[in-house]
Amino acid sequence: MENLLCNEVWFLSPAPSVHDNVHANGQYYNVRRSNYTTKEDCEKAIGIFLGKEDSYMPKPGYLKLIKSDNLIDHARFKAICWLIKSQKRMDLSFGTVFGAVSYLDRFISITHCQGWKYWMFELLSIACLSVASKLNESITVSLHEFQVEGLDHSFSSSQIQRMELTLLKALGWRMDSPTPYSYIELLICTIDTLNKTLVDNLTARVSQLLLNTLLDSKFLEFRPCVVAMSAVRCILEDDLIPSTYNTSLDHFDTFISQDQKEEVIKCQRWIETELMTDYNNILESQNANYSSPTSPVTVLKVEWDKFYDC
């Protein structure tokens, strides 16, 4: 059994925590609370995540691959729409959906498959969400529950489990991916002028904004820390935010290099111009035509055998 053990250093990651429903702008969001209690702990954790980022990024050239293949680009968008809807439907943590998207991107970037089909992305998406939920959730979700709605194909438990194992092996059993969401609460807790209520509200708003960055593949150009810092800055500078949020974020610059500081400016500009107008409705408007089928179509064994062979 030793060969099934993951070699990651788990104590370097935030300890498991409870979920709270945090109110923001008339809506409730599921927010995972970390166990870091001091500013110094948060800064140390940020440094650990920054040190891990390079090892958990998609392979170089991944963004170019997506933009050069319309099927992969559209299938990725549709898969992430399903992941976000599943997170809301099953009341999963944000960490679960961000982790699942990270696995999805990392797997696609290293898989040399010449004949991608939409059903492959659906099977991969289920496997990514299942593995991410096992890592992040305290309650195990059945494989059947993942397929309740939003998919065009139906898969057996054995197919999903086989895909999970394929995913784990492909990613080297290294599943504790730093994502933009990994940084949110840590970054916000380093802002001295915010009380608990403001922290909760800001965390919920930034988390929702980050969900929409997942849908746009061009944000893959940036490292997770850059996207996270950009989103925090956007929400803090939003005119709708109370003046009590206004505070200096200069200390964010101490966490990253000069090149990454320039990337934060670029990423923030993209978020402000393309996502901030009405980020709560982006998923609904873009995914209106994706509905669950009246009768699921079972994928033939010969087809998914070819997928695993890829």
C-alpha atoms as a PDB file:
ATOM      1  CA  MET A   1       0.000   0.000   0.000  1.00  0.00           C
ATOM      2  CA  GLU A   2       2.976   2.334   0.364  1.00  0.00           C
ATOM      3  CA  ASN A   3       2.955   3.112  -3.352  1.00  0.00           C
ATOM      4  CA  LEU A   4      -0.546   4.601  -2.951  1.00  0.00           C
ATOM      5  CA  LEU A   5       0.559   7.173  -0.415  1.00  0.00           C
ATOM      6  CA  CYS A   6       0.926  10.750  -1.534  1.00  0.00           C
ATOM      7  CA  ASN A   7       4.359  12.269  -0.913  1.00  0.00           C
ATOM      8  CA  GLU A   8       3.061  15.788  -0.309  1.00  0.00           C
ATOM      9  CA  VAL A   9       3.791  17.509   2.983  1.00  0.00           C
ATOM     10  CA  TRP A  10       0.247  18.014   4.210  1.00  0.00           C
ATOM     11  CA  PHE A  11       1.053  20.021   7.321  1.00  0.00           C
ATOM     12  CA  LEU A  12       2.205  22.875   5.097  1.00  0.00           C
ATOM     13  CA  SER A  13      -1.374  23.409   3.955  1.00  0.00           C
ATOM     14  CA  PRO A  14      -4.245  24.992   5.875  1.00  0.00           C
ATOM     15  CA  ALA A  15      -5.818  22.556   8.266  1.00  0.00           C
ATOM     16  CA  PRO A  16      -9.323  21.316   7.443  1.00  0.00           C
ATOM     17  CA  SER A  17     -11.994  23.709   8.572  1.00  0.00           C
ATOM     18  CA  VAL A  18     -15.716  24.226   8.793  1.00  0.00           C
ATOM     19  CA  HIS A  19     -17.952  25.896   6.225  1.00  0.00           C
ATOM     20  CA  ASP A  20     -19.967  28.997   7.024  1.00  0.00           C
ATOM     21  CA  ASN A  21     -22.701  30.620   4.968  1.00  0.00           C
ATOM     22  CA  VAL A  22     -21.611  34.234   4.691  1.00  0.00           C
ATOM     23  CA  HIS A  23     -24.040  36.933   3.601  1.00  0.00           C
ATOM     24  CA  ALA A  24     -22.918  39.377   0.911  1.00  0.00           C
ATOM     25  CA  ASN A  25     -25.035  41.624  -1.298  1.00  0.00           C
ATOM     26  CA  GLY A  26     -28.243  39.811  -0.465  1.00  0.00           C
ATOM     27  CA  GLN A  27     -26.821  36.363  -1.262  1.00  0.00           C
ATOM     28  CA  TYR A  28     -25.292  33.602   0.794  1.00  0.00           C
ATOM     29  CA  TYR A  29     -21.963  32.051  -0.085  1.00  0.00           C
ATOM     30  CA  ASN A  30     -20.308  28.935   1.250  1.00  0.00           C
ATOM     31  CA  VAL A  31     -16.953  30.040   2.653  1.00  0.00           C
ATOM     32  CA  ARG A  32     -14.285  27.785   4.102  1.00  0.00           C
ATOM     33  CA  ARG A  33     -12.579  29.153   7.185  1.00  0.00           C
ATOM     34  CA  SER A  34      -8.892  28.479   7.755  1.00  0.00           C
ATOM     35  CA  ASN A  35      -7.335  27.837  11.140  1.00  0.00           C
ATOM     36  CA  TYR A  36      -4.742  30.592  10.821  1.00  0.00           C
ATOM     37  CA  THR A  37      -5.367  33.094  13.589  1.00  0.00           C
ATOM     38  CA  THR A  38      -2.572  35.668  13.353  1.00  0.00           C
ATOM     39  CA  LYS A  39      -1.256  37.927  10.625  1.00  0.00           C
ATOM     40  CA  GLU A  40       2.159  36.309  10.942  1.00  0.00           C
ATOM     41  CA  ASP A  41       0.672  32.836  10.394  1.00  0.00           C
ATOM     42  CA  CYS A  42      -1.122  34.068   7.281  1.00  0.00           C
ATOM     43  CA  GLU A  43       2.013  35.661   5.852  1.00  0.00           C
ATOM     44  CA  LYS A  44       3.961  32.464   6.464  1.00  0.00           C
ATOM     45  CA  ALA A  45       1.258  30.396   4.759  1.00  0.00           C
ATOM     46  CA  ILE A  46       1.283  32.764   1.768  1.00  0.00           C
ATOM     47  CA  GLY A  47       5.017  32.229   1.435  1.00  0.00           C
ATOM     48  CA  ILE A  48       4.540  28.449   1.483  1.00  0.00           C
ATOM     49  CA  PHE A  49       1.901  28.577  -1.245  1.00  0.00           C
ATOM     50  CA  LEU A  50       4.083  30.871  -3.365  1.00  0.00           C
ATOM     51  CA  GLY A  51       6.908  28.380  -3.093  1.00  0.00           C
ATOM     52  CA  LYS A  52       4.660  25.557  -4.284  1.00  0.00           C
ATOM     53  CA  GLU A  53       3.014  27.314  -7.236  1.00  0.00           C
ATOM     54  CA  ASP A  54       5.523  26.379  -9.938  1.00  0.00           C
ATOM     55  CA  SER A  55       5.091  22.674  -9.232  1.00  0.00           C
ATOM     56  CA  TYR A  56       1.314  22.803  -9.620  1.00  0.00           C
ATOM     57  CA  MET A  57       0.920  24.914 -12.751  1.00  0.00           C
ATOM     58  CA  PRO A  58      -0.278  23.562 -16.122  1.00  0.00           C
ATOM     59  CA  LYS A  59       2.554  22.786 -18.496  1.00  0.00           C
ATOM     60  CA  PRO A  60       4.025  25.693 -20.522  1.00  0.00           C
ATOM     61  CA  GLY A  61       2.088  26.280 -23.714  1.00  0.00           C
ATOM     62  CA  TYR A  62      -1.237  25.220 -22.228  1.00  0.00           C
ATOM     63  CA  LEU A  63      -2.970  28.536 -22.915  1.00  0.00           C
ATOM     64  CA  LYS A  64      -1.748  28.424 -26.528  1.00  0.00           C
ATOM     65  CA  LEU A  65      -3.109  24.882 -26.843  1.00  0.00           C
ATOM     66  CA  ILE A  66      -6.555  25.977 -25.636  1.00  0.00           C
ATOM     67  CA  LYS A  67      -6.716  28.974 -27.950  1.00  0.00           C
ATOM     68  CA  SER A  68      -5.650  26.894 -30.930  1.00  0.00           C
ATOM     69  CA  ASP A  69      -8.315  24.233 -30.426  1.00  0.00           C
ATOM     70  CA  ASN A  70     -11.931  25.413 -30.363  1.00  0.00           C
ATOM     71  CA  LEU A  71     -13.198  22.087 -29.074  1.00  0.00           C
ATOM     72  CA  ILE A  72     -10.893  22.117 -26.048  1.00  0.00           C
ATOM     73  CA  ASP A  73     -11.618  25.787 -25.353  1.00  0.00           C
ATOM     74  CA  HIS A  74     -15.396  25.313 -25.487  1.00  0.00           C
ATOM     75  CA  ALA A  75     -15.354  21.967 -23.689  1.00  0.00           C
ATOM     76  CA  ARG A  76     -13.220  23.440 -20.888  1.00  0.00           C
ATOM     77  CA  PHE A  77     -15.664  26.342 -20.503  1.00  0.00           C
ATOM     78  CA  LYS A  78     -18.633  23.982 -20.426  1.00  0.00           C
ATOM     79  CA  ALA A  79     -16.877  21.699 -17.909  1.00  0.00           C
ATOM     80  CA  ILE A  80     -16.123  24.602 -15.564  1.00  0.00           C
ATOM     81  CA  CYS A  81     -19.724  25.808 -15.836  1.00  0.00           C
ATOM     82  CA  TRP A  82     -20.797  22.359 -14.697  1.00  0.00           C
ATOM     83  CA  LEU A  83     -18.270  22.331 -11.859  1.00  0.00           C
ATOM     84  CA  ILE A  84     -19.489  25.698 -10.569  1.00  0.00           C
ATOM     85  CA  LYS A  85     -23.128  24.653 -10.798  1.00  0.00           C
ATOM     86  CA  SER A  86     -22.330  21.384  -9.014  1.00  0.00           C
ATOM     87  CA  GLN A  87     -20.577  23.294  -6.234  1.00  0.00           C
ATOM     88  CA  LYS A  88     -23.709  25.372  -5.677  1.00  0.00           C
ATOM     89  CA  ARG A  89     -26.113  22.442  -6.072  1.00  0.00           C
ATOM     90  CA  MET A  90     -24.292  20.211  -3.584  1.00  0.00           C
ATOM     91  CA  ASP A  91     -23.215  23.048  -1.267  1.00  0.00           C
ATOM     92  CA  LEU A  92     -19.528  22.229  -1.659  1.00  0.00           C
ATOM     93  CA  SER A  93     -16.751  24.546  -0.556  1.00  0.00           C
ATOM     94  CA  PHE A  94     -15.145  26.978  -2.983  1.00  0.00           C
ATOM     95  CA  GLY A  95     -11.867  25.165  -2.368  1.00  0.00           C
ATOM     96  CA  THR A  96     -13.367  22.047  -3.930  1.00  0.00           C
ATOM     97  CA  VAL A  97     -14.344  23.672  -7.223  1.00  0.00           C
ATOM     98  CA  PHE A  98     -11.050  25.592  -7.527  1.00  0.00           C
ATOM     99  CA  GLY A  99      -9.127  22.395  -6.830  1.00  0.00           C
ATOM    100  CA  ALA A 100     -11.162  20.500  -9.427  1.00  0.00           C
ATOM    101  CA  VAL A 101     -10.452  23.148 -12.078  1.00  0.00           C
ATOM    102  CA  SER A 102      -6.754  23.011 -11.227  1.00  0.00           C
ATOM    103  CA  TYR A 103      -6.737  19.223 -11.733  1.00  0.00           C
ATOM    104  CA  LEU A 104      -8.648  19.629 -14.999  1.00  0.00           C
ATOM    105  CA  ASP A 105      -6.169  22.139 -16.428  1.00  0.00           C
ATOM    106  CA  ARG A 106      -3.102  20.261 -15.243  1.00  0.00           C
ATOM    107  CA  PHE A 107      -4.379  16.983 -16.697  1.00  0.00           C
ATOM    108  CA  ILE A 108      -5.276  18.433 -20.093  1.00  0.00           C
ATOM    109  CA  SER A 109      -1.909  20.181 -20.319  1.00  0.00           C
ATOM    110  CA  ILE A 110       0.038  16.923 -19.911  1.00  0.00           C
ATOM    111  CA  THR A 111      -2.276  14.576 -21.832  1.00  0.00           C
ATOM    112  CA  HIS A 112      -1.280  14.094 -25.457  1.00  0.00           C
ATOM    113  CA  CYS A 113      -4.701  13.099 -26.736  1.00  0.00           C
ATOM    114  CA  GLN A 114      -5.332  13.852 -30.402  1.00  0.00           C
ATOM    115  CA  GLY A 115      -9.044  13.058 -30.431  1.00  0.00           C
ATOM    116  CA  TRP A 116     -10.694  14.885 -27.542  1.00  0.00           C
ATOM    117  CA  LYS A 117     -14.482  14.522 -27.388  1.00  0.00           C
ATOM    118  CA  TYR A 118     -17.010  16.248 -25.149  1.00  0.00           C
ATOM    119  CA  TRP A 119     -17.822  13.076 -23.223  1.00  0.00           C
ATOM    120  CA  MET A 120     -14.148  12.808 -22.268  1.00  0.00           C
ATOM    121  CA  PHE A 121     -14.317  16.209 -20.623  1.00  0.00           C
ATOM    122  CA  GLU A 122     -17.460  15.190 -18.752  1.00  0.00           C
ATOM    123  CA  LEU A 123     -15.825  12.041 -17.406  1.00  0.00           C
ATOM    124  CA  LEU A 124     -12.693  13.977 -16.489  1.00  0.00           C
ATOM    125  CA  SER A 125     -14.760  16.704 -14.799  1.00  0.00           C
ATOM    126  CA  ILE A 126     -16.578  14.171 -12.614  1.00  0.00           C
ATOM    127  CA  ALA A 127     -13.279  12.583 -11.616  1.00  0.00           C
ATOM    128  CA  CYS A 128     -11.730  15.978 -10.811  1.00  0.00           C
ATOM    129  CA  LEU A 129     -14.695  17.019  -8.673  1.00  0.00           C
ATOM    130  CA  SER A 130     -14.808  13.671  -6.906  1.00  0.00           C
ATOM    131  CA  VAL A 131     -11.098  13.771  -6.007  1.00  0.00           C
ATOM    132  CA  ALA A 132     -11.298  17.437  -4.962  1.00  0.00           C
ATOM    133  CA  SER A 133     -14.296  16.766  -2.730  1.00  0.00           C
ATOM    134  CA  LYS A 134     -12.464  13.921  -1.012  1.00  0.00           C
ATOM    135  CA  LEU A 135      -9.624  16.317  -0.267  1.00  0.00           C
ATOM    136  CA  ASN A 136     -11.736  19.275   0.878  1.00  0.00           C
ATOM    137  CA  GLU A 137     -15.102  18.066   2.146  1.00  0.00           C
ATOM    138  CA  SER A 138     -15.891  16.468   5.488  1.00  0.00           C
ATOM    139  CA  ILE A 139     -18.840  14.508   4.045  1.00  0.00           C
ATOM    140  CA  THR A 140     -18.288  12.064   1.183  1.00  0.00           C
ATOM    141  CA  VAL A 141     -20.456  12.633  -1.899  1.00  0.00           C
ATOM    142  CA  SER A 142     -21.607   9.561  -3.843  1.00  0.00           C
ATOM    143  CA  LEU A 143     -20.564   9.210  -7.478  1.00  0.00           C
ATOM    144  CA  HIS A 144     -24.232   9.054  -8.467  1.00  0.00           C
ATOM    145  CA  GLU A 145     -24.922  12.436  -6.879  1.00  0.00           C
ATOM    146  CA  PHE A 146     -22.340  14.097  -9.119  1.00  0.00           C
ATOM    147  CA  GLN A 147     -24.328  13.048 -12.202  1.00  0.00           C
ATOM    148  CA  VAL A 148     -27.774  14.247 -11.134  1.00  0.00           C
ATOM    149  CA  GLU A 149     -27.909  17.029 -13.726  1.00  0.00           C
ATOM    150  CA  GLY A 150     -25.978  19.059 -16.278  1.00  0.00           C
ATOM    151  CA  LEU A 151     -24.288  16.227 -18.178  1.00  0.00           C
ATOM    152  CA  ASP A 152     -24.976  14.813 -21.629  1.00  0.00           C
ATOM    153  CA  HIS A 153     -23.556  11.383 -20.805  1.00  0.00           C
ATOM    154  CA  SER A 154     -23.837   8.888 -17.980  1.00  0.00           C
ATOM    155  CA  PHE A 155     -20.922   6.930 -16.540  1.00  0.00           C
ATOM    156  CA  SER A 156     -20.744   3.871 -14.308  1.00  0.00           C
ATOM    157  CA  SER A 157     -19.016   3.987 -10.938  1.00  0.00           C
ATOM    158  CA  SER A 158     -16.234   1.759 -12.271  1.00  0.00           C
ATOM    159  CA  GLN A 159     -15.603   4.144 -15.179  1.00  0.00           C
ATOM    160  CA  ILE A 160     -15.383   7.127 -12.836  1.00  0.00           C
ATOM    161  CA  GLN A 161     -13.124   5.308 -10.392  1.00  0.00           C
ATOM    162  CA  ARG A 162     -10.845   4.257 -13.226  1.00  0.00           C
ATOM    163  CA  MET A 163     -10.709   7.863 -14.415  1.00  0.00           C
ATOM    164  CA  GLU A 164      -9.911   9.004 -10.872  1.00  0.00           C
ATOM    165  CA  LEU A 165      -6.948   6.643 -10.757  1.00  0.00           C
ATOM    166  CA  THR A 166      -5.804   7.810 -14.195  1.00  0.00           C
ATOM    167  CA  LEU A 167      -6.016  11.410 -12.973  1.00  0.00           C
ATOM    168  CA  LEU A 168      -4.116  10.706  -9.755  1.00  0.00           C
ATOM    169  CA  LYS A 169      -1.343   8.876 -11.565  1.00  0.00           C
ATOM    170  CA  ALA A 170      -1.047  11.558 -14.247  1.00  0.00           C
ATOM    171  CA  LEU A 171      -0.688  14.277 -11.613  1.00  0.00           C
ATOM    172  CA  GLY A 172       1.764  12.212  -9.599  1.00  0.00           C
ATOM    173  CA  TRP A 173      -0.629  12.015  -6.636  1.00  0.00           C
ATOM    174  CA  ARG A 174       0.138  15.676  -5.962  1.00  0.00           C
ATOM    175  CA  MET A 175      -3.327  17.109  -5.388  1.00  0.00           C
ATOM    176  CA  ASP A 176      -2.854  19.943  -2.892  1.00  0.00           C
ATOM    177  CA  SER A 177      -2.769  22.565  -5.632  1.00  0.00           C
ATOM    178  CA  PRO A 178      -2.363  26.240  -4.684  1.00  0.00           C
ATOM    179  CA  THR A 179      -5.241  28.051  -6.409  1.00  0.00           C
ATOM    180  CA  PRO A 180      -6.377  31.687  -6.390  1.00  0.00           C
ATOM    181  CA  TYR A 181      -8.869  30.729  -3.703  1.00  0.00           C
ATOM    182  CA  SER A 182      -6.048  29.375  -1.517  1.00  0.00           C
ATOM    183  CA  TYR A 183      -4.802  32.937  -1.031  1.00  0.00           C
ATOM    184  CA  ILE A 184      -8.041  34.839  -0.454  1.00  0.00           C
ATOM    185  CA  GLU A 185      -8.614  34.543   3.266  1.00  0.00           C
ATOM    186  CA  LEU A 186      -4.868  34.663   3.921  1.00  0.00           C
ATOM    187  CA  LEU A 187      -4.442  37.920   1.986  1.00  0.00           C
ATOM    188  CA  ILE A 188      -7.511  39.521   3.526  1.00  0.00           C
ATOM    189  CA  CYS A 189      -6.401  38.612   7.043  1.00  0.00           C
ATOM    190  CA  THR A 190      -3.165  40.558   6.513  1.00  0.00           C
ATOM    191  CA  ILE A 191      -5.207  43.779   6.179  1.00  0.00           C
ATOM    192  CA  ASP A 192      -5.156  45.299   9.658  1.00  0.00           C
ATOM    193  CA  THR A 193      -8.090  47.694   9.277  1.00  0.00           C
ATOM    194  CA  LEU A 194     -10.789  45.057   8.652  1.00  0.00           C
ATOM    195  CA  ASN A 195     -12.983  43.628  11.371  1.00  0.00           C
ATOM    196  CA  LYS A 196     -14.534  40.147  11.263  1.00  0.00           C
ATOM    197  CA  THR A 197     -17.730  41.261   9.530  1.00  0.00           C
ATOM    198  CA  LEU A 198     -15.812  43.059   6.797  1.00  0.00           C
ATOM    199  CA  VAL A 199     -13.478  40.090   6.368  1.00  0.00           C
ATOM    200  CA  ASP A 200     -16.427  37.738   5.869  1.00  0.00           C
ATOM    201  CA  ASN A 201     -18.146  40.035   3.401  1.00  0.00           C
ATOM    202  CA  LEU A 202     -14.979  40.726   1.434  1.00  0.00           C
ATOM    203  CA  THR A 203     -14.071  37.033   1.312  1.00  0.00           C
ATOM    204  CA  ALA A 204     -17.479  36.167  -0.127  1.00  0.00           C
ATOM    205  CA  ARG A 205     -17.342  38.897  -2.779  1.00  0.00           C
ATOM    206  CA  VAL A 206     -13.796  38.092  -3.881  1.00  0.00           C
ATOM    207  CA  SER A 207     -14.574  34.365  -4.019  1.00  0.00           C
ATOM    208  CA  GLN A 208     -17.546  34.963  -6.283  1.00  0.00           C
ATOM    209  CA  LEU A 209     -15.467  37.186  -8.559  1.00  0.00           C
ATOM    210  CA  LEU A 210     -12.758  34.537  -8.785  1.00  0.00           C
ATOM    211  CA  LEU A 211     -15.280  31.945  -9.943  1.00  0.00           C
ATOM    212  CA  ASN A 212     -15.767  34.041 -13.053  1.00  0.00           C
ATOM    213  CA  THR A 213     -12.029  34.206 -13.753  1.00  0.00           C
ATOM    214  CA  LEU A 214     -12.135  30.405 -13.993  1.00  0.00           C
ATOM    215  CA  LEU A 215     -14.534  30.661 -16.931  1.00  0.00           C
ATOM    216  CA  ASP A 216     -12.209  32.835 -19.015  1.00  0.00           C
ATOM    217  CA  SER A 217      -9.172  30.850 -20.142  1.00  0.00           C
ATOM    218  CA  LYS A 218      -7.035  33.920 -20.709  1.00  0.00           C
ATOM    219  CA  PHE A 219      -6.579  34.259 -16.955  1.00  0.00           C
ATOM    220  CA  LEU A 220      -4.451  31.103 -17.200  1.00  0.00           C
ATOM    221  CA  GLU A 221      -1.726  33.508 -18.271  1.00  0.00           C
ATOM    222  CA  PHE A 222      -1.317  34.510 -14.621  1.00  0.00           C
ATOM    223  CA  ARG A 223      -0.142  32.637 -11.570  1.00  0.00           C
ATOM    224  CA  PRO A 224      -2.775  31.927  -8.881  1.00  0.00           C
ATOM    225  CA  CYS A 225      -1.293  34.514  -6.493  1.00  0.00           C
ATOM    226  CA  VAL A 226      -1.529  37.217  -9.174  1.00  0.00           C
ATOM    227  CA  VAL A 227      -5.193  36.468  -9.891  1.00  0.00           C
ATOM    228  CA  ALA A 228      -5.993  36.428  -6.174  1.00  0.00           C
ATOM    229  CA  MET A 229      -4.298  39.750  -5.426  1.00  0.00           C
ATOM    230  CA  SER A 230      -5.926  41.345  -8.455  1.00  0.00           C
ATOM    231  CA  ALA A 231      -9.388  40.223  -7.373  1.00  0.00           C
ATOM    232  CA  VAL A 232      -8.910  41.544  -3.829  1.00  0.00           C
ATOM    233  CA  ARG A 233      -7.794  44.905  -5.174  1.00  0.00           C
ATOM    234  CA  CYS A 234     -10.760  45.067  -7.562  1.00  0.00           C
ATOM    235  CA  ILE A 235     -13.313  44.491  -4.829  1.00  0.00           C
ATOM    236  CA  LEU A 236     -11.631  46.901  -2.422  1.00  0.00           C
ATOM    237  CA  GLU A 237     -11.589  49.617  -5.069  1.00  0.00           C
ATOM    238  CA  ASP A 238     -15.179  48.992  -6.160  1.00  0.00           C
ATOM    239  CA  ASP A 239     -17.343  52.077  -5.595  1.00  0.00           C
ATOM    240  CA  LEU A 240     -20.011  49.891  -4.026  1.00  0.00           C
ATOM    241  CA  ILE A 241     -17.723  48.933  -1.175  1.00  0.00           C
ATOM    242  CA  PRO A 242     -18.052  50.926   2.060  1.00  0.00           C
ATOM    243  CA  SER A 243     -15.337  53.481   2.727  1.00  0.00           C
ATOM    244  CA  THR A 244     -14.218  51.427   5.730  1.00  0.00           C
ATOM    245  CA  TYR A 245     -12.669  48.977   3.240  1.00  0.00           C
ATOM    246  CA  ASN A 246     -10.342  51.623   1.872  1.00  0.00           C
ATOM    247  CA  THR A 247      -6.899  50.726   3.098  1.00  0.00           C
ATOM    248  CA  SER A 248      -3.354  50.399   1.857  1.00  0.00           C
ATOM    249  CA  LEU A 249      -2.420  47.149   0.153  1.00  0.00           C
ATOM    250  CA  ASP A 250       1.227  48.046  -0.330  1.00  0.00           C
ATOM    251  CA  HIS A 251       2.266  45.118   1.843  1.00  0.00           C
ATOM    252  CA  PHE A 252       0.967  42.749  -0.885  1.00  0.00           C
ATOM    253  CA  ASP A 253       3.972  43.812  -2.978  1.00  0.00           C
ATOM    254  CA  THR A 254       6.339  42.297  -0.418  1.00  0.00           C
ATOM    255  CA  PHE A 255       5.043  38.827  -1.244  1.00  0.00           C
ATOM    256  CA  ILE A 256       5.839  38.845  -4.973  1.00  0.00           C
ATOM    257  CA  SER A 257       8.578  39.801  -7.449  1.00  0.00           C
ATOM    258  CA  GLN A 258       8.679  42.970  -9.548  1.00  0.00           C
ATOM    259  CA  ASP A 259       7.561  41.061 -12.663  1.00  0.00           C
ATOM    260  CA  GLN A 260       4.559  39.716 -10.787  1.00  0.00           C
ATOM    261  CA  LYS A 261       3.683  43.216  -9.571  1.00  0.00           C
ATOM    262  CA  GLU A 262       3.349  44.261 -13.200  1.00  0.00           C
ATOM    263  CA  GLU A 263       1.217  41.181 -13.867  1.00  0.00           C
ATOM    264  CA  VAL A 264      -1.098  42.152 -10.992  1.00  0.00           C
ATOM    265  CA  ILE A 265      -1.675  45.533 -12.658  1.00  0.00           C
ATOM    266  CA  LYS A 266      -2.461  43.844 -15.984  1.00  0.00           C
ATOM    267  CA  CYS A 267      -4.691  41.180 -14.448  1.00  0.00           C
ATOM    268  CA  GLN A 268      -6.569  43.743 -12.359  1.00  0.00           C
ATOM    269  CA  ARG A 269      -7.228  45.798 -15.480  1.00  0.00           C
ATOM    270  CA  TRP A 270      -8.675  42.755 -17.251  1.00  0.00           C
ATOM    271  CA  ILE A 271     -10.929  41.941 -14.313  1.00  0.00           C
ATOM    272  CA  GLU A 272     -12.152  45.519 -14.037  1.00  0.00           C
ATOM    273  CA  THR A 273     -12.969  45.860 -17.728  1.00  0.00           C
ATOM    274  CA  GLU A 274     -14.435  42.416 -18.371  1.00  0.00           C
ATOM    275  CA  LEU A 275     -15.799  40.957 -15.135  1.00  0.00           C
ATOM    276  CA  MET A 276     -16.656  43.691 -12.655  1.00  0.00           C
ATOM    277  CA  THR A 277     -19.689  45.086 -14.496  1.00  0.00           C
ATOM    278  CA  ASP A 278     -22.010  42.309 -13.364  1.00  0.00           C
ATOM    279  CA  TYR A 279     -20.001  39.333 -12.226  1.00  0.00           C
ATOM    280  CA  ASN A 280     -22.901  37.713 -10.410  1.00  0.00           C
ATOM    281  CA  ASN A 281     -24.764  37.113 -13.707  1.00  0.00           C
ATOM    282  CA  ILE A 282     -21.914  36.037 -16.003  1.00  0.00           C
ATOM    283  CA  LEU A 283     -22.285  32.298 -15.464  1.00  0.00           C
ATOM    284  CA  GLU A 284     -26.071  32.413 -15.872  1.00  0.00           C
ATOM    285  CA  SER A 285     -25.996  34.377 -19.125  1.00  0.00           C
ATOM    286  CA  GLN A 286     -23.148  32.438 -20.744  1.00  0.00           C
ATOM    287  CA  ASN A 287     -24.387  29.007 -19.749  1.00  0.00           C
ATOM    288  CA  ALA A 288     -28.112  29.449 -20.418  1.00  0.00           C
ATOM    289  CA  ASN A 289     -28.084  26.861 -23.178  1.00  0.00           C
ATOM    290  CA  TYR A 290     -26.488  24.110 -21.102  1.00  0.00           C
ATOM    291  CA  SER A 291     -29.318  22.015 -19.676  1.00  0.00           C
ATOM    292  CA  SER A 292     -29.474  18.446 -18.463  1.00  0.00           C
ATOM    293  CA  PRO A 293     -30.554  15.887 -21.060  1.00  0.00           C
ATOM    294  CA  THR A 294     -33.958  14.210 -20.920  1.00  0.00           C
ATOM    295  CA  SER A 295     -32.297  10.807 -21.081  1.00  0.00           C
ATOM    296  CA  PRO A 296     -28.586  10.176 -20.410  1.00  0.00           C
ATOM    297  CA  VAL A 297     -26.477   8.509 -23.088  1.00  0.00           C
ATOM    298  CA  THR A 298     -24.175   5.752 -21.884  1.00  0.00           C
ATOM    299  CA  VAL A 299     -20.657   5.891 -23.308  1.00  0.00           C
ATOM    300  CA  LEU A 300     -19.550   2.675 -24.935  1.00  0.00           C
ATOM    301  CA  LYS A 301     -16.681   0.849 -23.267  1.00  0.00           C
ATOM    302  CA  VAL A 302     -14.605   0.744 -26.453  1.00  0.00           C
ATOM    303  CA  GLU A 303     -14.609   4.550 -26.593  1.00  0.00           C
ATOM    304  CA  TRP A 304     -13.488   5.228 -23.048  1.00  0.00           C
ATOM    305  CA  ASP A 305     -10.838   2.517 -23.339  1.00  0.00           C
ATOM    306  CA  LYS A 306      -9.328   4.632 -26.124  1.00  0.00           C
ATOM    307  CA  PHE A 307      -9.423   7.666 -23.837  1.00  0.00           C
ATOM    308  CA  TYR A 308      -7.432   5.917 -21.115  1.00  0.00           C
ATOM    309  CA  ASP A 309      -4.955   4.714 -23.740  1.00  0.00           C
ATOM    310  CA  CYS A 310      -4.284   8.379 -24.639  1.00  0.00           C
END
